[in-house]
Amino acid sequence: MPYAVLASSLVVFHLAFVFFVIFGAGLLFRWPALVWLHVPALIWGIYVEFTSSICPLTPLENRLRLKAGQQGYDGGFIDHYIVSLLYPEGLTPTVQLVLGILMVVFNLVVYGLWIRSRL
């Protein structure tokens, strides 16, 4: 039972981290010190997106699920949880590249606005 709770908690944390990577720059207008957390998180997100890597949280979640007697899954967090909602047919490398580019452009725009607001 505790492994199942840990695995589910990890999914919630992982999803929150993904949202922070994508939209965290918007929080800088209220909490500028978050830049020191967001920039490394964004770099990690860009790396994972452009290299089709699997975040280390995914294998950890799978291990916890297996210890809880549940089924693990293949692929990454995005493939398993997000893609099944947004792209039921599967995530292609081209779509992943486009999503990565959109994430970078969005964050560049928000960072530009944030820097401009501080001048």
Protein backbone atom coordinates (compact mmCIF):
# COMPACT_ATOMS: atom_id res chain seq x y z
CA MET A 1 0.00 0.00 0.00
CA PRO A 2 2.67 2.61 0.85
CA TYR A 3 4.38 1.93 -2.50
CA ALA A 4 1.14 2.61 -4.38
CA VAL A 5 0.69 5.89 -2.49
CA LEU A 6 4.30 6.86 -3.20
CA ALA A 7 3.87 6.03 -6.90
CA SER A 8 0.67 8.08 -7.15
CA SER A 9 2.28 10.96 -5.26
CA LEU A 10 5.21 10.82 -7.64
CA VAL A 11 2.81 11.13 -10.60
CA VAL A 12 1.30 14.27 -9.06
CA PHE A 13 4.78 15.70 -8.43
CA HIS A 14 5.89 14.79 -11.97
CA LEU A 15 2.84 16.49 -13.50
CA ALA A 16 3.42 19.58 -11.35
CA PHE A 17 7.05 19.63 -12.50
CA VAL A 18 5.99 19.43 -16.17
CA PHE A 19 3.59 22.36 -15.68
CA PHE A 20 6.32 24.29 -13.85
CA VAL A 21 8.73 23.72 -16.75
CA ILE A 22 6.19 24.92 -19.29
CA PHE A 23 4.49 27.75 -17.41
CA GLY A 24 6.84 28.54 -14.51
CA ALA A 25 8.25 31.65 -16.15
CA GLY A 26 4.89 33.30 -15.53
CA LEU A 27 5.43 32.92 -11.78
CA LEU A 28 8.51 35.14 -11.97
CA PHE A 29 6.37 38.26 -12.14
CA ARG A 30 5.16 37.50 -8.59
CA TRP A 31 8.18 35.59 -7.22
CA PRO A 32 11.34 36.64 -9.10
CA ALA A 33 13.61 34.41 -6.99
CA LEU A 34 12.00 31.38 -8.66
CA VAL A 35 14.21 32.10 -11.66
CA TRP A 36 16.92 30.04 -9.91
CA LEU A 37 14.60 27.01 -9.88
CA HIS A 38 12.89 27.57 -13.19
CA VAL A 39 15.93 27.99 -15.43
CA PRO A 40 17.45 24.58 -14.50
CA ALA A 41 14.01 22.95 -14.70
CA LEU A 42 13.46 24.50 -18.13
CA ILE A 43 16.88 23.35 -19.34
CA TRP A 44 16.07 19.83 -18.15
CA GLY A 45 12.67 19.94 -19.89
CA ILE A 46 14.25 21.14 -23.12
CA TYR A 47 16.86 18.39 -22.92
CA VAL A 48 14.26 15.67 -22.33
CA GLU A 49 11.98 16.98 -25.09
CA PHE A 50 14.65 17.38 -27.77
CA THR A 51 16.54 14.16 -27.03
CA SER A 52 13.45 11.96 -26.49
CA SER A 53 14.94 10.98 -23.13
CA ILE A 54 12.98 9.49 -20.27
CA CYS A 55 12.90 11.46 -17.03
CA PRO A 56 14.35 9.46 -14.11
CA LEU A 57 11.05 9.90 -12.26
CA THR A 58 9.36 7.51 -14.72
CA PRO A 59 11.48 4.42 -13.91
CA LEU A 60 11.19 5.30 -10.21
CA GLU A 61 7.40 5.38 -10.51
CA ASN A 62 7.44 2.03 -12.34
CA ARG A 63 9.59 0.45 -9.62
CA LEU A 64 7.24 1.72 -6.93
CA ARG A 65 4.23 0.38 -8.85
CA LEU A 66 5.86 -3.03 -9.25
CA LYS A 67 6.68 -3.13 -5.52
CA ALA A 68 3.01 -2.31 -4.85
CA GLY A 69 1.98 -5.27 -7.01
CA GLN A 70 0.73 -3.02 -9.80
CA GLN A 71 1.61 -2.96 -13.48
CA GLY A 72 4.41 -0.68 -14.66
CA TYR A 73 4.41 0.81 -18.16
CA ASP A 74 6.73 1.29 -21.12
CA GLY A 75 7.82 4.66 -22.42
CA GLY A 76 7.97 7.93 -20.57
CA PHE A 77 5.66 9.93 -18.36
CA ILE A 78 4.52 12.15 -21.23
CA ASP A 79 3.78 9.13 -23.43
CA HIS A 80 1.83 7.34 -20.72
CA TYR A 81 -0.17 10.12 -19.05
CA ILE A 82 -0.22 13.18 -21.28
CA VAL A 83 -0.05 11.78 -24.80
CA SER A 84 -2.91 9.41 -24.14
CA LEU A 85 -5.03 12.47 -23.41
CA LEU A 86 -3.78 14.78 -26.15
CA TYR A 87 -2.56 12.39 -28.83
CA PRO A 88 -4.34 9.04 -28.55
CA GLU A 89 -2.52 7.66 -31.60
CA GLY A 90 0.93 8.25 -30.11
CA LEU A 91 3.63 10.85 -30.04
CA THR A 92 5.79 11.10 -33.14
CA PRO A 93 9.28 12.62 -33.08
CA THR A 94 8.02 15.47 -35.27
CA VAL A 95 5.20 16.32 -32.87
CA GLN A 96 7.62 16.11 -29.95
CA LEU A 97 10.01 18.48 -31.73
CA VAL A 98 7.19 20.95 -32.43
CA LEU A 99 6.06 20.81 -28.78
CA GLY A 100 9.64 21.42 -27.67
CA ILE A 101 9.98 24.41 -29.98
CA LEU A 102 6.67 25.83 -28.74
CA MET A 103 7.83 25.40 -25.14
CA VAL A 104 11.10 27.23 -25.88
CA VAL A 105 9.40 30.07 -27.79
CA PHE A 106 6.71 30.50 -25.12
CA ASN A 107 9.33 30.70 -22.37
CA LEU A 108 11.51 33.10 -24.36
CA VAL A 109 8.53 35.43 -24.79
CA VAL A 110 7.60 35.27 -21.09
CA TYR A 111 11.21 35.75 -19.99
CA GLY A 112 11.48 38.71 -22.37
CA LEU A 113 8.37 40.29 -20.87
CA TRP A 114 9.63 39.59 -17.36
CA ILE A 115 13.05 41.13 -18.02
CA ARG A 116 11.40 44.14 -19.68
CA SER A 117 9.11 44.63 -16.66
CA ARG A 118 12.15 44.76 -14.37
CA LEU A 119 13.91 47.52 -16.31
